[in-house]
């Protein structure tokens, strides 16, 4: 079997994000076709998730980096530890005081500063360098925070970067929501774009999740013959057995607060779309699935009492069934797993054009699209008041998903990419 090493910055279990789902389903298939290894850097309670994942992927080799932070030598160790606790406590309290006055959510969470090169922990870089020279045929790095690893991977191995979201595109989107773009922000945007361009060229191959992203990458870095499309995979085996359960008022959103496009979507809904719904006498509940804990969200919830913070849901597809899924996404690129989850749940959805970008679902056929707050609200009300339309959109969406994004075909497409990269034929038969 050919050997492949995956290096990712997050722990892909539990499946609490679209990125985790996309990675998990792909590896769950590939581990039966190739000799799979994965390099992880768990912190805190994530180590427990790694142990659970090891039990599921019993034929995958895990390389786990753990860094023991040694305490510095001090004159009075006990006194030093006490002072350290006081300093940490004071820092948290100072931050809480500042956030009370920090209402510029875009600037607080924008990705300009994290888009330029940030040195990785030196011991982690050394560990990656050592592991990557262990005889792998392919080394695949995923997600932007690790894009700089291309500079240290061995040159005699086929290296791949999977670009889940084009960072310079996301930064451009975020800039459009600033009242005024400063000269420093323009500088950071250009530096980040130059870094992304250079870092991508350190990899021999790049995989995008959609054809839209692939074309943008070709325009961005060239080398179209080395840039591939491999969509994310979502399990739809049980979807056909589900019935569409129409709803007149239950709205849902899937995504975690840590990904700024999700935060922007929820803020936009609460501040602009929800008032449009209320002004038309529409009564609703808005259930937000995923981890949302910040003080800002709690303040936002006070202004949008219809919003319920649900947290992590074990059976997402069953939970979404019987709701209208909202995708008010205005920022980013890539493939929205939240849309694939909605379709697999037999739940109709309303989305922006940006939200469904790169996924071939059509307005009035598989979904409703709207790009202004008033139009989005009107689409929600129209769908909520029309049970036949809900059933039509949900059923046609699952049919189109199975036709265009059949999970087995998507998995085999990825394996075909690896075959092309290695110039060998890998076994596609179970």
Protein backbone atom coordinates (compact mmCIF):
# COMPACT_ATOMS: atom_id res chain seq x y z
CA UNK A 1 0.00 0.00 0.00
CA UNK A 2 1.11 3.55 -0.71
CA UNK A 3 1.79 5.61 2.40
CA UNK A 4 0.12 8.97 3.03
CA UNK A 5 0.64 11.35 5.95
CA UNK A 6 -2.05 13.90 6.85
CA UNK A 7 -1.05 16.97 8.87
CA UNK A 8 -3.89 19.13 10.21
CA UNK A 9 -4.10 21.84 12.91
CA UNK A 10 -7.32 20.60 14.52
CA UNK A 11 -8.56 17.36 16.02
CA UNK A 12 -11.10 15.99 13.49
CA UNK A 13 -13.34 14.49 16.15
CA UNK A 14 -16.06 14.95 17.27
CA UNK A 15 -17.67 16.18 14.06
CA UNK A 16 -18.51 19.66 15.36
CA UNK A 17 -17.50 21.64 12.27
CA UNK A 18 -17.75 21.39 8.50
CA UNK A 19 -13.98 21.02 8.22
CA UNK A 20 -13.98 18.12 10.68
CA UNK A 21 -16.76 16.37 8.77
CA UNK A 22 -15.04 16.79 5.41
CA UNK A 23 -11.72 15.46 6.72
CA UNK A 24 -13.21 12.62 8.78
CA UNK A 25 -15.31 11.13 5.98
CA UNK A 26 -12.43 11.30 3.50
CA UNK A 27 -9.94 9.58 5.81
CA UNK A 28 -12.54 7.04 6.92
CA UNK A 29 -12.66 5.90 3.29
CA UNK A 30 -8.97 6.23 2.42
CA UNK A 31 -7.74 4.23 5.41
CA UNK A 32 -9.03 1.10 3.65
CA UNK A 33 -7.23 1.99 0.39
CA UNK A 34 -3.88 3.35 1.56
CA UNK A 35 -1.55 3.16 4.55
CA UNK A 36 -2.75 6.24 6.42
CA UNK A 37 -0.91 8.22 9.10
CA UNK A 38 -2.02 11.44 10.78
CA UNK A 39 0.04 14.00 12.68
CA UNK A 40 -1.84 15.91 15.38
CA UNK A 41 -1.06 18.52 18.03
CA UNK A 42 -3.75 18.07 20.71
CA UNK A 43 -4.05 20.48 23.61
CA UNK A 44 -5.85 20.01 26.90
CA UNK A 45 -9.07 18.00 26.62
CA UNK A 46 -8.42 17.39 22.92
CA UNK A 47 -6.20 14.51 23.99
CA UNK A 48 -9.35 12.64 25.08
CA UNK A 49 -10.85 13.18 21.61
CA UNK A 50 -7.69 11.74 20.05
CA UNK A 51 -8.05 8.59 22.14
CA UNK A 52 -11.65 8.19 20.95
CA UNK A 53 -10.52 8.68 17.36
CA UNK A 54 -7.83 6.02 17.73
CA UNK A 55 -10.51 3.48 18.64
CA UNK A 56 -12.51 4.36 15.51
CA UNK A 57 -9.49 4.42 13.18
CA UNK A 58 -7.75 1.32 14.47
CA UNK A 59 -5.73 0.90 11.27
CA UNK A 60 -4.37 4.47 11.19
CA UNK A 61 -0.94 5.39 12.60
CA UNK A 62 -1.05 8.43 14.87
CA UNK A 63 1.88 10.79 15.39
CA UNK A 64 1.04 12.92 18.42
CA UNK A 65 3.11 15.98 19.22
CA UNK A 66 3.10 17.00 22.87
CA UNK A 67 5.23 19.81 24.19
CA UNK A 68 6.04 19.90 27.87
CA UNK A 69 6.36 23.50 28.97
CA UNK A 70 9.11 23.54 31.58
CA UNK A 71 8.83 26.15 34.32
CA UNK A 72 11.72 28.64 34.35
CA UNK A 73 14.19 28.57 37.21
CA UNK A 74 13.15 31.03 39.93
CA UNK A 75 14.38 32.09 43.35
CA UNK A 76 11.07 31.18 45.02
CA UNK A 77 9.07 28.67 42.88
CA UNK A 78 5.91 28.76 45.01
CA UNK A 79 5.83 32.55 45.08
CA UNK A 80 6.41 32.62 41.30
CA UNK A 81 3.45 30.28 40.67
CA UNK A 82 1.25 32.46 42.88
CA UNK A 83 2.28 35.60 40.98
CA UNK A 84 1.63 33.81 37.68
CA UNK A 85 -1.94 32.95 38.73
CA UNK A 86 -2.53 36.56 39.79
CA UNK A 87 -1.20 37.83 36.43
CA UNK A 88 -3.42 35.46 34.43
CA UNK A 89 -6.47 36.41 36.47
CA UNK A 90 -5.76 40.12 36.05
CA UNK A 91 -5.28 39.69 32.29
CA UNK A 92 -8.65 37.95 31.95
CA UNK A 93 -10.40 40.65 33.96
CA UNK A 94 -8.76 43.42 31.92
CA UNK A 95 -9.81 41.70 28.68
CA UNK A 96 -13.41 41.40 29.87
CA UNK A 97 -13.46 45.10 30.65
CA UNK A 98 -12.15 45.98 27.18
CA UNK A 99 -14.63 43.74 25.37
CA UNK A 100 -17.53 45.63 26.95
CA UNK A 101 -16.54 48.58 24.77
CA UNK A 102 -15.40 46.54 21.77
CA UNK A 103 -18.36 46.48 19.39
CA UNK A 104 -16.30 46.36 16.19
CA UNK A 105 -16.75 42.61 15.75
CA UNK A 106 -15.32 42.60 12.23
CA UNK A 107 -11.99 44.10 13.25
CA UNK A 108 -11.81 42.00 16.41
CA UNK A 109 -12.16 38.71 14.54
CA UNK A 110 -10.90 39.53 11.05
CA UNK A 111 -8.08 37.39 9.63
CA UNK A 112 -5.69 40.06 8.31
CA UNK A 113 -3.12 39.63 11.06
CA UNK A 114 -3.32 35.82 11.06
CA UNK A 115 -2.94 35.68 7.26
CA UNK A 116 0.71 36.73 7.29
CA UNK A 117 3.49 34.35 8.30
CA UNK A 118 3.51 33.38 11.96
CA UNK A 119 6.34 31.09 13.12
CA UNK A 120 5.12 27.72 14.33
CA UNK A 121 6.46 26.44 17.68
CA UNK A 122 10.06 25.43 16.98
CA UNK A 123 9.77 21.97 18.53
CA UNK A 124 6.58 21.30 16.55
CA UNK A 125 8.33 22.31 13.31
CA UNK A 126 11.22 19.97 14.16
CA UNK A 127 8.78 17.14 14.92
CA UNK A 128 6.96 17.63 11.60
CA UNK A 129 10.28 17.72 9.75
CA UNK A 130 11.40 14.46 11.38
CA UNK A 131 8.12 12.58 10.87
CA UNK A 132 7.78 13.75 7.27
CA UNK A 133 11.07 12.02 6.43
CA UNK A 134 9.76 8.58 7.40
CA UNK A 135 9.23 7.18 3.92
CA UNK A 136 5.82 8.56 2.94
CA UNK A 137 4.71 8.65 -0.68
CA UNK A 138 2.35 11.61 -0.14
CA UNK A 139 2.28 14.26 2.57
CA UNK A 140 -0.95 16.25 2.69
CA UNK A 141 -1.37 19.44 4.73
CA UNK A 142 -4.83 20.89 5.33
CA UNK A 143 -6.16 24.28 6.49
CA UNK A 144 -4.53 27.69 6.27
CA UNK A 145 -2.86 27.86 9.72
CA UNK A 146 -0.38 25.18 8.57
CA UNK A 147 0.21 26.42 5.02
CA UNK A 148 3.80 27.43 5.90
CA UNK A 149 4.76 23.76 6.46
CA UNK A 150 5.34 23.53 2.71
CA UNK A 151 8.67 25.28 3.28
CA UNK A 152 10.08 22.45 5.42
CA UNK A 153 8.61 19.28 3.88
CA UNK A 154 11.07 17.03 2.00
CA UNK A 155 11.48 17.73 -1.72
CA UNK A 156 11.54 14.04 -2.72
CA UNK A 157 7.92 13.45 -1.62
CA UNK A 158 4.67 14.38 -3.36
CA UNK A 159 3.28 17.23 -1.24
CA UNK A 160 -0.34 18.42 -1.35
CA UNK A 161 -2.10 21.36 0.25
CA UNK A 162 -5.90 21.15 0.59
CA UNK A 163 -7.24 24.71 0.48
CA UNK A 164 -10.58 24.63 2.30
CA UNK A 165 -11.01 28.40 2.07
CA UNK A 166 -8.98 30.87 0.00
CA UNK A 167 -7.73 33.29 2.62
CA UNK A 168 -7.19 36.29 0.36
CA UNK A 169 -10.79 35.95 -0.86
CA UNK A 170 -12.05 35.88 2.71
CA UNK A 171 -9.98 38.95 3.55
CA UNK A 172 -11.40 40.80 0.54
CA UNK A 173 -14.93 39.91 1.70
CA UNK A 174 -14.23 41.11 5.24
CA UNK A 175 -12.86 44.44 4.00
CA UNK A 176 -16.19 45.20 2.33
CA UNK A 177 -17.88 45.26 5.75
CA UNK A 178 -15.51 47.83 7.26
CA UNK A 179 -16.78 51.40 7.41
CA UNK A 180 -13.29 52.56 6.49
CA UNK A 181 -10.24 50.53 5.47
CA UNK A 182 -7.05 51.91 7.01
CA UNK A 183 -3.69 52.07 5.25
CA UNK A 184 -2.35 49.50 7.72
CA UNK A 185 -5.19 47.11 6.83
CA UNK A 186 -4.48 47.51 3.11
CA UNK A 187 -0.84 46.73 3.85
CA UNK A 188 -1.73 43.63 5.88
CA UNK A 189 -4.05 42.43 3.12
CA UNK A 190 -1.30 42.72 0.50
CA UNK A 191 1.32 41.07 2.70
CA UNK A 192 -1.07 38.21 3.48
CA UNK A 193 -1.94 37.73 -0.18
CA UNK A 194 1.75 37.66 -1.16
CA UNK A 195 2.48 35.13 1.58
CA UNK A 196 -0.41 32.88 0.53
CA UNK A 197 0.82 33.01 -3.08
CA UNK A 198 4.39 32.09 -2.10
CA UNK A 199 3.38 29.37 0.38
CA UNK A 200 1.12 27.62 -2.14
CA UNK A 201 4.01 27.39 -4.57
CA UNK A 202 6.03 25.33 -2.07
CA UNK A 203 3.60 22.43 -2.61
CA UNK A 204 3.74 20.22 -5.68
CA UNK A 205 -0.06 19.95 -5.82
CA UNK A 206 -3.09 21.85 -4.49
CA UNK A 207 -6.64 20.58 -3.98
CA UNK A 208 -9.64 22.93 -3.92
CA UNK A 209 -13.12 21.90 -2.80
CA UNK A 210 -15.02 23.58 -5.65
CA UNK A 211 -14.44 24.39 -9.32
CA UNK A 212 -14.97 28.08 -8.49
CA UNK A 213 -12.04 27.96 -6.06
CA UNK A 214 -9.93 25.98 -8.52
CA UNK A 215 -10.36 28.62 -11.21
CA UNK A 216 -9.48 31.38 -8.73
CA UNK A 217 -6.37 29.45 -7.68
CA UNK A 218 -5.28 29.02 -11.29
CA UNK A 219 -5.62 32.77 -11.80
CA UNK A 220 -3.80 33.35 -8.51
CA UNK A 221 -0.79 31.01 -8.76
CA UNK A 222 -0.99 29.40 -12.22
CA UNK A 223 -0.12 25.75 -12.84
CA UNK A 224 -3.61 24.52 -13.60
CA UNK A 225 -2.40 20.98 -14.25
CA UNK A 226 -1.33 20.73 -10.59
CA UNK A 227 -4.56 22.13 -9.10
CA UNK A 228 -7.42 19.67 -8.62
CA UNK A 229 -11.04 19.71 -7.46
CA UNK A 230 -12.14 17.26 -4.79
CA UNK A 231 -15.43 18.21 -3.10
CA UNK A 232 -16.16 17.49 0.53
CA UNK A 233 -18.04 14.31 1.34
CA UNK A 234 -21.25 14.08 3.33
CA UNK A 235 -23.01 10.82 4.12
CA UNK A 236 -26.46 10.66 2.50
CA UNK A 237 -27.21 6.94 2.84
CA UNK A 238 -30.13 7.44 5.24
CA UNK A 239 -31.48 10.63 3.68
CA UNK A 240 -33.82 8.90 1.24
CA UNK A 241 -35.59 7.18 4.13
CA UNK A 242 -36.36 10.51 5.81
CA UNK A 243 -39.59 12.38 5.23
CA UNK A 244 -39.66 16.14 4.74
CA UNK A 245 -41.29 17.60 7.85
CA UNK A 246 -42.63 21.07 6.99
CA UNK A 247 -42.41 23.85 9.55
CA UNK A 248 -44.08 27.22 9.85
CA UNK A 249 -41.65 28.85 12.25
CA UNK A 250 -38.55 26.79 13.17
CA UNK A 251 -35.33 28.22 11.70
CA UNK A 252 -31.86 26.71 12.24
CA UNK A 253 -28.23 27.65 11.61
CA UNK A 254 -25.21 25.34 11.82
CA UNK A 255 -21.72 26.61 12.60
CA UNK A 256 -19.36 27.54 15.41
CA UNK A 257 -18.56 31.03 16.63
CA UNK A 258 -14.82 30.54 16.15
CA UNK A 259 -15.17 30.78 12.35
CA UNK A 260 -15.81 34.47 11.65
CA UNK A 261 -18.04 33.98 8.55
CA UNK A 262 -20.45 32.14 10.88
CA UNK A 263 -20.36 34.96 13.42
CA UNK A 264 -21.02 37.51 10.67
CA UNK A 265 -23.96 35.43 9.45
CA UNK A 266 -25.58 35.26 12.88
CA UNK A 267 -24.97 38.95 13.56
CA UNK A 268 -26.46 39.88 10.17
CA UNK A 269 -29.51 37.73 10.86
CA UNK A 270 -30.10 39.12 14.36
CA UNK A 271 -29.47 42.77 13.52
CA UNK A 272 -30.97 43.08 10.03
CA UNK A 273 -32.95 40.02 8.91
CA UNK A 274 -34.84 39.33 12.16
CA UNK A 275 -36.26 42.90 12.33
CA UNK A 276 -37.58 42.43 8.77
CA UNK A 277 -39.27 39.20 9.84
CA UNK A 278 -40.87 40.85 12.88
CA UNK A 279 -42.06 43.85 10.87
CA UNK A 280 -44.09 41.44 8.71
CA UNK A 281 -45.65 39.77 11.75
CA UNK A 282 -43.68 36.54 11.34
CA UNK A 283 -43.18 34.58 14.58
CA UNK A 284 -40.18 32.26 14.67
CA UNK A 285 -37.48 30.52 16.68
CA UNK A 286 -33.86 30.71 15.53
CA UNK A 287 -31.82 27.76 16.80
CA UNK A 288 -28.04 28.13 16.50
CA UNK A 289 -26.14 24.83 16.61
CA UNK A 290 -22.51 24.68 17.72
CA UNK A 291 -20.34 26.28 20.42
CA UNK A 292 -21.32 29.93 21.00
CA UNK A 293 -20.23 31.34 24.35
CA UNK A 294 -18.87 34.88 24.00
CA UNK A 295 -20.29 37.79 25.95
CA UNK A 296 -21.01 39.54 22.66
CA UNK A 297 -23.33 36.72 21.55
CA UNK A 298 -25.15 36.89 24.88
CA UNK A 299 -25.71 40.60 24.31
CA UNK A 300 -26.88 39.85 20.78
CA UNK A 301 -29.28 37.25 22.13
CA UNK A 302 -30.85 39.92 24.32
CA UNK A 303 -31.67 41.95 21.20
CA UNK A 304 -32.89 38.84 19.35
CA UNK A 305 -34.88 36.85 21.95
CA UNK A 306 -35.95 34.35 19.28
CA UNK A 307 -32.37 33.02 19.16
CA UNK A 308 -31.66 29.80 21.06
CA UNK A 309 -28.05 28.63 21.56
CA UNK A 310 -28.36 24.86 21.20
CA UNK A 311 -24.70 23.84 21.45
CA UNK A 312 -23.36 20.55 20.11
CA UNK A 313 -25.97 18.15 18.70
CA UNK A 314 -25.14 14.45 18.57
CA UNK A 315 -27.52 13.59 15.70
CA UNK A 316 -27.38 16.71 13.54
CA UNK A 317 -29.43 15.40 10.62
CA UNK A 318 -32.35 14.35 12.83
CA UNK A 319 -32.23 17.72 14.59
CA UNK A 320 -32.28 19.72 11.33
CA UNK A 321 -35.16 17.68 9.92
CA UNK A 322 -38.34 19.65 10.52
CA UNK A 323 -36.67 23.05 10.23
CA UNK A 324 -35.78 25.61 7.58
CA UNK A 325 -31.99 25.87 7.51
CA UNK A 326 -30.60 29.37 7.04
CA UNK A 327 -27.26 30.05 5.33
CA UNK A 328 -26.85 33.86 5.52
CA UNK A 329 -23.13 33.60 4.70
CA UNK A 330 -21.50 36.71 3.20
CA UNK A 331 -17.78 35.92 3.62
CA UNK A 332 -15.32 33.25 2.47
CA UNK A 333 -14.91 30.56 -0.16
CA UNK A 334 -14.85 26.77 -0.27
CA UNK A 335 -17.71 24.34 0.17
CA UNK A 336 -20.37 24.96 2.81
CA UNK A 337 -20.86 21.72 4.70
CA UNK A 338 -23.88 23.31 6.41
CA UNK A 339 -25.70 23.21 3.06
CA UNK A 340 -24.83 19.56 2.48
CA UNK A 341 -25.99 18.82 6.03
CA UNK A 342 -29.31 20.57 5.36
CA UNK A 343 -29.87 18.61 2.17
CA UNK A 344 -28.93 15.31 3.83
CA UNK A 345 -31.42 16.11 6.60
CA UNK A 346 -34.27 16.62 4.11
CA UNK A 347 -34.51 20.21 5.36
CA UNK A 348 -35.21 23.04 2.87
CA UNK A 349 -32.79 25.96 3.03
CA UNK A 350 -32.51 29.65 2.26
CA UNK A 351 -29.05 30.90 1.32
CA UNK A 352 -27.12 33.84 -0.04
CA UNK A 353 -25.36 33.54 -3.39
CA UNK A 354 -22.04 33.48 -1.51
CA UNK A 355 -23.30 30.70 0.77
CA UNK A 356 -24.04 28.33 -2.11
CA UNK A 357 -21.08 29.43 -4.24
CA UNK A 358 -19.37 26.48 -5.86
CA UNK A 359 -22.25 24.10 -5.13
CA UNK A 360 -24.61 23.62 -8.05
CA UNK A 361 -27.95 24.13 -6.31
CA UNK A 362 -30.39 26.34 -8.21
CA UNK A 363 -32.75 29.07 -7.04
CA UNK A 364 -36.39 27.91 -6.97
CA UNK A 365 -35.32 24.34 -7.80
CA UNK A 366 -33.31 23.10 -4.79
CA UNK A 367 -33.21 26.22 -2.61
CA UNK A 368 -34.16 29.87 -2.33
CA UNK A 369 -31.43 32.51 -2.74
CA UNK A 370 -31.47 36.09 -1.44
CA UNK A 371 -28.69 38.61 -0.87
CA UNK A 372 -30.29 41.53 0.97
CA UNK A 373 -31.79 41.42 4.46
CA UNK A 374 -35.29 42.25 3.22
CA UNK A 375 -35.15 39.72 0.38
CA UNK A 376 -33.76 37.06 2.72
CA UNK A 377 -36.59 37.67 5.19
CA UNK A 378 -39.18 37.52 2.40
CA UNK A 379 -37.75 34.21 1.18
CA UNK A 380 -37.92 32.75 4.70
CA UNK A 381 -41.55 33.83 5.14
CA UNK A 382 -42.51 32.56 1.71
CA UNK A 383 -40.96 29.16 2.39
CA UNK A 384 -42.42 28.89 5.89
CA UNK A 385 -45.91 29.58 4.53
CA UNK A 386 -45.70 27.04 1.69
CA UNK A 387 -45.45 23.40 2.79
CA UNK A 388 -45.52 22.14 -0.79
CA UNK A 389 -42.52 24.33 -1.67
CA UNK A 390 -40.61 23.02 1.35
CA UNK A 391 -41.23 19.43 0.26
CA UNK A 392 -40.35 20.18 -3.37
CA UNK A 393 -37.06 21.95 -2.59
CA UNK A 394 -35.91 19.36 -0.04
CA UNK A 395 -36.69 16.37 -2.28
CA UNK A 396 -35.14 17.92 -5.38
CA UNK A 397 -32.05 18.95 -3.42
CA UNK A 398 -31.37 15.42 -2.17
CA UNK A 399 -31.81 14.10 -5.70
CA UNK A 400 -29.36 16.64 -7.09
CA UNK A 401 -26.89 16.01 -4.27
CA UNK A 402 -26.87 12.30 -5.06
CA UNK A 403 -26.45 13.02 -8.75
CA UNK A 404 -23.71 15.65 -8.53
CA UNK A 405 -21.98 14.83 -5.24
CA UNK A 406 -22.45 11.10 -4.80
CA UNK A 407 -20.26 10.23 -1.78
CA UNK A 408 -18.71 7.14 -3.36
CA UNK A 409 -17.85 9.07 -6.53
CA UNK A 410 -16.35 11.93 -4.50
CA UNK A 411 -14.21 9.50 -2.53
CA UNK A 412 -13.06 7.77 -5.70
CA UNK A 413 -12.27 11.14 -7.28
CA UNK A 414 -9.87 11.86 -4.42
CA UNK A 415 -8.23 8.46 -4.83
CA UNK A 416 -7.88 9.14 -8.56
CA UNK A 417 -6.04 12.37 -7.73
CA UNK A 418 -3.58 10.42 -5.59
CA UNK A 419 -3.16 7.90 -8.42
CA UNK A 420 -2.31 10.73 -10.80
CA UNK A 421 0.06 12.36 -8.30
CA UNK A 422 1.92 9.07 -7.78
CA UNK A 423 1.59 7.94 -11.40
CA UNK A 424 0.27 4.56 -10.23
CA UNK A 425 -3.15 2.93 -10.20
CA UNK A 426 -4.62 2.68 -6.72
CA UNK A 427 -7.32 0.11 -5.95
CA UNK A 428 -10.81 1.62 -6.13
CA UNK A 429 -12.63 -1.62 -5.33
CA UNK A 430 -13.71 -2.34 -1.75
